[in-house]
Amino acid sequence: MNSFVGKRVVTAAVVVMSGFVLSARAADVIGSAKAGQNKVAMCIGCHGIPDYRTAYPEVYEVPKLGGQNAQYLVNALQGYKKGDRHFDTMHAIASSLSDQDIADIAAYYATQTPSSPVNPER
């Protein structure tokens, strides 16, 4: 009976430690706005056009990215990548991005302000 309890405690400890390792790995990804500047070409195609609206699959006003909170942008891109958020174009783009790419893009857009000389307000 004691060995059964001991095995369960060890198993539980391994599961908990695995969770910490995965969390630590995700936390290691730190975005660089400078690196992100070189990764936003696909974003600018829609988000860089003032008042742009898509017509497929439905009329949709494309949101401004500049000045958004970096964590919000990371969560949004991860959501598109995983399929939790639904927009085919964004899913295709986000699926091609690494976690580092996502962090860099989010850091880049988080530094934007309405007066930013590069890609203003987007």
N, C-alpha and C. Protein backbone atom coordinates (compact mmCIF):
# COMPACT_ATOMS: atom_id res chain seq x y z
N MET A 1 0.83 -1.19 0.00
CA MET A 1 0.00 0.00 0.00
C MET A 1 0.87 1.25 0.00
N ASN A 2 1.95 1.28 0.77
CA ASN A 2 2.82 2.46 0.82
C ASN A 2 3.52 2.70 -0.51
N SER A 3 3.90 1.61 -1.21
CA SER A 3 4.55 1.81 -2.50
C SER A 3 3.56 2.38 -3.52
N PHE A 4 2.29 2.04 -3.41
CA PHE A 4 1.26 2.57 -4.29
C PHE A 4 1.15 4.08 -4.08
N VAL A 5 1.08 4.51 -2.82
CA VAL A 5 0.99 5.94 -2.49
C VAL A 5 2.26 6.64 -2.94
N GLY A 6 3.40 6.02 -2.73
CA GLY A 6 4.67 6.62 -3.14
C GLY A 6 4.74 6.83 -4.64
N LYS A 7 4.26 5.85 -5.41
CA LYS A 7 4.26 5.98 -6.87
C LYS A 7 3.35 7.12 -7.31
N ARG A 8 2.22 7.28 -6.64
CA ARG A 8 1.29 8.35 -6.99
C ARG A 8 1.90 9.72 -6.68
N VAL A 9 2.62 9.82 -5.58
CA VAL A 9 3.26 11.08 -5.21
C VAL A 9 4.34 11.43 -6.23
N VAL A 10 5.12 10.45 -6.63
CA VAL A 10 6.18 10.68 -7.62
C VAL A 10 5.55 11.08 -8.96
N THR A 11 4.51 10.38 -9.36
CA THR A 11 3.83 10.71 -10.61
C THR A 11 3.28 12.13 -10.58
N ALA A 12 2.64 12.50 -9.48
CA ALA A 12 2.10 13.85 -9.34
C ALA A 12 3.21 14.89 -9.39
N ALA A 13 4.33 14.60 -8.75
CA ALA A 13 5.45 15.53 -8.75
C ALA A 13 6.00 15.72 -10.17
N VAL A 14 6.09 14.64 -10.93
CA VAL A 14 6.58 14.72 -12.31
C VAL A 14 5.63 15.57 -13.16
N VAL A 15 4.34 15.36 -12.99
CA VAL A 15 3.35 16.14 -13.75
C VAL A 15 3.47 17.63 -13.41
N VAL A 16 3.57 17.94 -12.14
CA VAL A 16 3.69 19.34 -11.71
C VAL A 16 4.97 19.96 -12.26
N MET A 17 6.07 19.25 -12.17
CA MET A 17 7.34 19.78 -12.68
C MET A 17 7.29 19.98 -14.19
N SER A 18 6.62 19.10 -14.91
CA SER A 18 6.48 19.26 -16.35
C SER A 18 5.76 20.55 -16.67
N GLY A 19 4.73 20.85 -15.91
CA GLY A 19 4.00 22.10 -16.10
C GLY A 19 4.89 23.31 -15.87
N PHE A 20 5.74 23.26 -14.85
CA PHE A 20 6.66 24.36 -14.58
C PHE A 20 7.67 24.52 -15.71
N VAL A 21 8.15 23.43 -16.24
CA VAL A 21 9.12 23.49 -17.33
C VAL A 21 8.49 24.11 -18.57
N LEU A 22 7.26 23.71 -18.91
CA LEU A 22 6.58 24.27 -20.07
C LEU A 22 6.29 25.75 -19.86
N SER A 23 5.88 26.15 -18.66
CA SER A 23 5.61 27.55 -18.37
C SER A 23 6.89 28.36 -18.45
N ALA A 24 7.97 27.83 -17.92
CA ALA A 24 9.24 28.54 -17.97
C ALA A 24 9.72 28.71 -19.39
N ARG A 25 9.49 27.70 -20.22
CA ARG A 25 9.91 27.77 -21.62
C ARG A 25 9.15 28.88 -22.34
N ALA A 26 7.84 28.97 -22.12
CA ALA A 26 7.03 30.02 -22.75
C ALA A 26 7.45 31.38 -22.23
N ALA A 27 7.81 31.47 -20.96
CA ALA A 27 8.21 32.74 -20.38
C ALA A 27 9.58 33.19 -20.89
N ASP A 28 10.38 32.27 -21.43
CA ASP A 28 11.70 32.62 -21.94
C ASP A 28 11.64 33.42 -23.23
N VAL A 29 10.51 33.40 -23.91
CA VAL A 29 10.38 34.11 -25.18
C VAL A 29 10.12 35.58 -24.88
N ILE A 30 11.09 36.41 -25.21
CA ILE A 30 10.98 37.85 -24.99
C ILE A 30 11.04 38.53 -26.34
N GLY A 31 10.05 39.36 -26.60
CA GLY A 31 9.96 40.03 -27.88
C GLY A 31 10.94 41.18 -28.03
N SER A 32 11.37 41.38 -29.25
CA SER A 32 12.26 42.49 -29.60
C SER A 32 11.55 43.35 -30.65
N ALA A 33 11.28 44.61 -30.31
CA ALA A 33 10.62 45.50 -31.25
C ALA A 33 11.47 45.69 -32.50
N LYS A 34 12.78 45.75 -32.32
CA LYS A 34 13.68 45.93 -33.47
C LYS A 34 13.57 44.73 -34.42
N ALA A 35 13.58 43.52 -33.87
CA ALA A 35 13.44 42.32 -34.70
C ALA A 35 12.04 42.27 -35.32
N GLY A 36 11.04 42.70 -34.57
CA GLY A 36 9.67 42.69 -35.05
C GLY A 36 9.46 43.58 -36.25
N GLN A 37 10.20 44.67 -36.31
CA GLN A 37 10.08 45.60 -37.44
C GLN A 37 10.34 44.91 -38.77
N ASN A 38 11.18 43.90 -38.75
CA ASN A 38 11.51 43.17 -39.97
C ASN A 38 10.56 41.99 -40.24
N LYS A 39 9.55 41.84 -39.39
CA LYS A 39 8.64 40.69 -39.52
C LYS A 39 7.19 41.09 -39.78
N VAL A 40 6.92 42.36 -39.99
CA VAL A 40 5.53 42.81 -40.08
C VAL A 40 5.05 43.08 -41.51
N ALA A 41 5.80 42.67 -42.51
CA ALA A 41 5.40 42.93 -43.90
C ALA A 41 4.02 42.36 -44.20
N MET A 42 3.75 41.15 -43.73
CA MET A 42 2.43 40.55 -43.97
C MET A 42 1.33 41.31 -43.24
N CYS A 43 1.66 41.86 -42.08
CA CYS A 43 0.67 42.59 -41.29
C CYS A 43 0.28 43.90 -41.98
N ILE A 44 1.29 44.58 -42.51
CA ILE A 44 1.07 45.89 -43.12
C ILE A 44 0.13 45.79 -44.32
N GLY A 45 0.13 44.65 -44.99
CA GLY A 45 -0.73 44.46 -46.15
C GLY A 45 -2.20 44.73 -45.87
N CYS A 46 -2.66 44.52 -44.66
CA CYS A 46 -4.05 44.82 -44.28
C CYS A 46 -4.10 45.88 -43.19
N HIS A 47 -3.32 45.69 -42.14
CA HIS A 47 -3.38 46.57 -40.98
C HIS A 47 -2.73 47.93 -41.24
N GLY A 48 -1.96 48.05 -42.30
CA GLY A 48 -1.28 49.30 -42.61
C GLY A 48 -2.05 50.19 -43.57
N ILE A 49 -3.25 49.80 -43.95
CA ILE A 49 -4.06 50.58 -44.88
C ILE A 49 -5.14 51.30 -44.06
N PRO A 50 -5.13 52.64 -44.05
CA PRO A 50 -6.13 53.37 -43.27
C PRO A 50 -7.56 52.98 -43.64
N ASP A 51 -8.35 52.69 -42.62
CA ASP A 51 -9.78 52.36 -42.76
C ASP A 51 -10.05 51.16 -43.66
N TYR A 52 -9.11 50.23 -43.74
CA TYR A 52 -9.26 49.05 -44.60
C TYR A 52 -10.33 48.12 -44.04
N ARG A 53 -11.14 47.59 -44.94
CA ARG A 53 -12.15 46.59 -44.59
C ARG A 53 -11.99 45.42 -45.55
N THR A 54 -12.11 44.23 -45.02
CA THR A 54 -12.04 43.05 -45.88
C THR A 54 -13.43 42.75 -46.42
N ALA A 55 -13.49 42.03 -47.49
CA ALA A 55 -14.78 41.64 -48.05
C ALA A 55 -14.97 40.13 -47.99
N TYR A 56 -13.93 39.40 -47.57
CA TYR A 56 -14.02 37.94 -47.52
C TYR A 56 -13.54 37.46 -46.17
N PRO A 57 -14.17 36.57 -45.51
CA PRO A 57 -15.43 35.93 -45.86
C PRO A 57 -16.63 36.81 -45.55
N GLU A 58 -16.42 37.92 -44.89
CA GLU A 58 -17.50 38.87 -44.61
C GLU A 58 -16.86 40.25 -44.50
N VAL A 59 -17.68 41.28 -44.53
CA VAL A 59 -17.13 42.63 -44.37
C VAL A 59 -16.65 42.75 -42.92
N TYR A 60 -15.42 43.12 -42.79
CA TYR A 60 -14.78 43.16 -41.47
C TYR A 60 -13.81 44.32 -41.43
N GLU A 61 -13.96 45.19 -40.45
CA GLU A 61 -13.03 46.31 -40.31
C GLU A 61 -11.75 45.80 -39.65
N VAL A 62 -10.64 46.00 -40.32
CA VAL A 62 -9.36 45.50 -39.84
C VAL A 62 -8.91 46.38 -38.67
N PRO A 63 -8.60 45.79 -37.53
CA PRO A 63 -8.24 46.60 -36.35
C PRO A 63 -6.85 47.23 -36.46
N LYS A 64 -6.66 48.30 -35.74
CA LYS A 64 -5.36 48.95 -35.63
C LYS A 64 -4.51 48.12 -34.67
N LEU A 65 -3.26 47.94 -34.99
CA LEU A 65 -2.36 47.17 -34.13
C LEU A 65 -1.45 48.08 -33.31
N GLY A 66 -1.07 49.21 -33.88
CA GLY A 66 -0.14 50.11 -33.21
C GLY A 66 -0.67 50.58 -31.86
N GLY A 67 0.16 50.44 -30.84
CA GLY A 67 -0.21 50.87 -29.50
C GLY A 67 -0.97 49.84 -28.69
N GLN A 68 -1.29 48.69 -29.29
CA GLN A 68 -1.96 47.64 -28.53
C GLN A 68 -1.00 47.05 -27.50
N ASN A 69 -1.55 46.51 -26.44
CA ASN A 69 -0.76 45.83 -25.42
C ASN A 69 -0.10 44.60 -26.03
N ALA A 70 1.20 44.42 -25.77
CA ALA A 70 1.95 43.31 -26.36
C ALA A 70 1.35 41.96 -25.99
N GLN A 71 0.96 41.78 -24.73
CA GLN A 71 0.40 40.48 -24.32
C GLN A 71 -0.92 40.21 -25.02
N TYR A 72 -1.71 41.24 -25.25
CA TYR A 72 -2.96 41.08 -25.99
C TYR A 72 -2.66 40.57 -27.41
N LEU A 73 -1.66 41.18 -28.06
CA LEU A 73 -1.31 40.77 -29.41
C LEU A 73 -0.77 39.34 -29.44
N VAL A 74 0.05 38.99 -28.46
CA VAL A 74 0.56 37.61 -28.37
C VAL A 74 -0.62 36.65 -28.22
N ASN A 75 -1.53 36.96 -27.31
CA ASN A 75 -2.69 36.08 -27.09
C ASN A 75 -3.53 35.95 -28.35
N ALA A 76 -3.73 37.07 -29.06
CA ALA A 76 -4.53 37.04 -30.27
C ALA A 76 -3.86 36.18 -31.34
N LEU A 77 -2.57 36.39 -31.57
CA LEU A 77 -1.87 35.61 -32.59
C LEU A 77 -1.82 34.13 -32.22
N GLN A 78 -1.59 33.84 -30.95
CA GLN A 78 -1.60 32.43 -30.52
C GLN A 78 -3.00 31.83 -30.71
N GLY A 79 -4.03 32.62 -30.45
CA GLY A 79 -5.40 32.15 -30.65
C GLY A 79 -5.69 31.83 -32.10
N TYR A 80 -5.23 32.70 -33.03
CA TYR A 80 -5.40 32.42 -34.45
C TYR A 80 -4.59 31.18 -34.85
N LYS A 81 -3.39 31.08 -34.31
CA LYS A 81 -2.52 29.95 -34.65
C LYS A 81 -3.14 28.62 -34.22
N LYS A 82 -3.71 28.59 -33.03
CA LYS A 82 -4.31 27.37 -32.49
C LYS A 82 -5.70 27.09 -33.06
N GLY A 83 -6.31 28.11 -33.67
CA GLY A 83 -7.67 27.94 -34.19
C GLY A 83 -8.74 28.35 -33.21
N ASP A 84 -8.35 28.91 -32.06
CA ASP A 84 -9.33 29.39 -31.09
C ASP A 84 -10.03 30.65 -31.60
N ARG A 85 -9.33 31.45 -32.38
CA ARG A 85 -9.90 32.62 -33.05
C ARG A 85 -10.08 32.24 -34.51
N HIS A 86 -11.19 32.70 -35.10
CA HIS A 86 -11.53 32.25 -36.44
C HIS A 86 -11.50 33.39 -37.46
N PHE A 87 -10.50 33.39 -38.28
CA PHE A 87 -10.41 34.23 -39.47
C PHE A 87 -9.34 33.56 -40.32
N ASP A 88 -9.75 33.01 -41.43
CA ASP A 88 -8.87 32.14 -42.23
C ASP A 88 -7.53 32.77 -42.58
N THR A 89 -7.55 34.03 -42.99
CA THR A 89 -6.30 34.69 -43.37
C THR A 89 -5.37 34.80 -42.17
N MET A 90 -5.91 35.21 -41.03
CA MET A 90 -5.07 35.35 -39.84
C MET A 90 -4.58 33.99 -39.35
N HIS A 91 -5.39 32.97 -39.49
CA HIS A 91 -4.96 31.62 -39.10
C HIS A 91 -3.77 31.18 -39.96
N ALA A 92 -3.87 31.43 -41.26
CA ALA A 92 -2.78 31.04 -42.17
C ALA A 92 -1.49 31.78 -41.84
N ILE A 93 -1.59 33.07 -41.56
CA ILE A 93 -0.40 33.86 -41.25
C ILE A 93 0.17 33.44 -39.90
N ALA A 94 -0.68 33.38 -38.88
CA ALA A 94 -0.21 33.04 -37.53
C ALA A 94 0.39 31.64 -37.48
N SER A 95 -0.14 30.73 -38.26
CA SER A 95 0.39 29.35 -38.29
C SER A 95 1.82 29.30 -38.80
N SER A 96 2.21 30.29 -39.57
CA SER A 96 3.57 30.31 -40.12
C SER A 96 4.57 30.97 -39.18
N LEU A 97 4.09 31.51 -38.05
CA LEU A 97 4.96 32.24 -37.13
C LEU A 97 5.43 31.37 -35.97
N SER A 98 6.68 31.54 -35.58
CA SER A 98 7.18 30.88 -34.37
C SER A 98 6.76 31.70 -33.15
N ASP A 99 6.93 31.14 -31.97
CA ASP A 99 6.64 31.89 -30.75
C ASP A 99 7.51 33.14 -30.66
N GLN A 100 8.75 33.04 -31.13
CA GLN A 100 9.64 34.21 -31.12
C GLN A 100 9.14 35.27 -32.09
N ASP A 101 8.70 34.86 -33.27
CA ASP A 101 8.15 35.81 -34.25
C ASP A 101 6.96 36.55 -33.65
N ILE A 102 6.08 35.82 -33.01
CA ILE A 102 4.89 36.41 -32.41
C ILE A 102 5.29 37.41 -31.33
N ALA A 103 6.22 37.05 -30.49
CA ALA A 103 6.67 37.97 -29.42
C ALA A 103 7.31 39.22 -30.02
N ASP A 104 8.09 39.07 -31.07
CA ASP A 104 8.75 40.21 -31.71
C ASP A 104 7.73 41.14 -32.36
N ILE A 105 6.77 40.58 -33.07
CA ILE A 105 5.74 41.39 -33.72
C ILE A 105 4.92 42.14 -32.68
N ALA A 106 4.56 41.46 -31.61
CA ALA A 106 3.78 42.09 -30.54
C ALA A 106 4.58 43.23 -29.90
N ALA A 107 5.87 43.00 -29.68
CA ALA A 107 6.72 44.05 -29.09
C ALA A 107 6.80 45.25 -30.02
N TYR A 108 6.93 45.00 -31.31
CA TYR A 108 7.01 46.08 -32.29
C TYR A 108 5.75 46.93 -32.27
N TYR A 109 4.60 46.29 -32.38
CA TYR A 109 3.35 47.06 -32.42
C TYR A 109 3.05 47.73 -31.09
N ALA A 110 3.45 47.15 -29.99
CA ALA A 110 3.21 47.75 -28.68
C ALA A 110 3.97 49.07 -28.52
N THR A 111 5.07 49.24 -29.26
CA THR A 111 5.85 50.48 -29.14
C THR A 111 5.31 51.59 -30.04
N GLN A 112 4.37 51.28 -30.92
CA GLN A 112 3.84 52.28 -31.84
C GLN A 112 2.91 53.27 -31.13
N THR A 113 2.95 54.50 -31.59
CA THR A 113 2.03 55.55 -31.13
C THR A 113 1.50 56.26 -32.37
N PRO A 114 0.48 57.09 -32.23
CA PRO A 114 -0.02 57.82 -33.39
C PRO A 114 1.05 58.67 -34.08
N SER A 115 2.09 59.06 -33.36
CA SER A 115 3.14 59.88 -33.96
C SER A 115 4.35 59.07 -34.41
N SER A 116 4.28 57.75 -34.35
CA SER A 116 5.40 56.92 -34.78
C SER A 116 5.65 57.13 -36.27
N PRO A 117 6.91 57.35 -36.66
CA PRO A 117 7.20 57.60 -38.08
C PRO A 117 7.06 56.37 -38.96
N VAL A 118 7.16 55.19 -38.40
CA VAL A 118 7.05 53.96 -39.17
C VAL A 118 5.68 53.35 -38.90
N ASN A 119 4.90 53.16 -39.96
CA ASN A 119 3.61 52.53 -39.84
C ASN A 119 2.72 53.19 -38.78
N PRO A 120 2.47 54.49 -38.90
CA PRO A 120 1.71 55.20 -37.86
C PRO A 120 0.32 54.65 -37.63
N GLU A 121 -0.05 54.57 -36.40
CA GLU A 121 -1.37 54.14 -35.93
C GLU A 121 -1.75 52.72 -36.34
N ARG A 122 -0.81 51.95 -36.85
CA ARG A 122 -1.15 50.60 -37.26
C ARG A 122 -0.24 49.65 -36.56
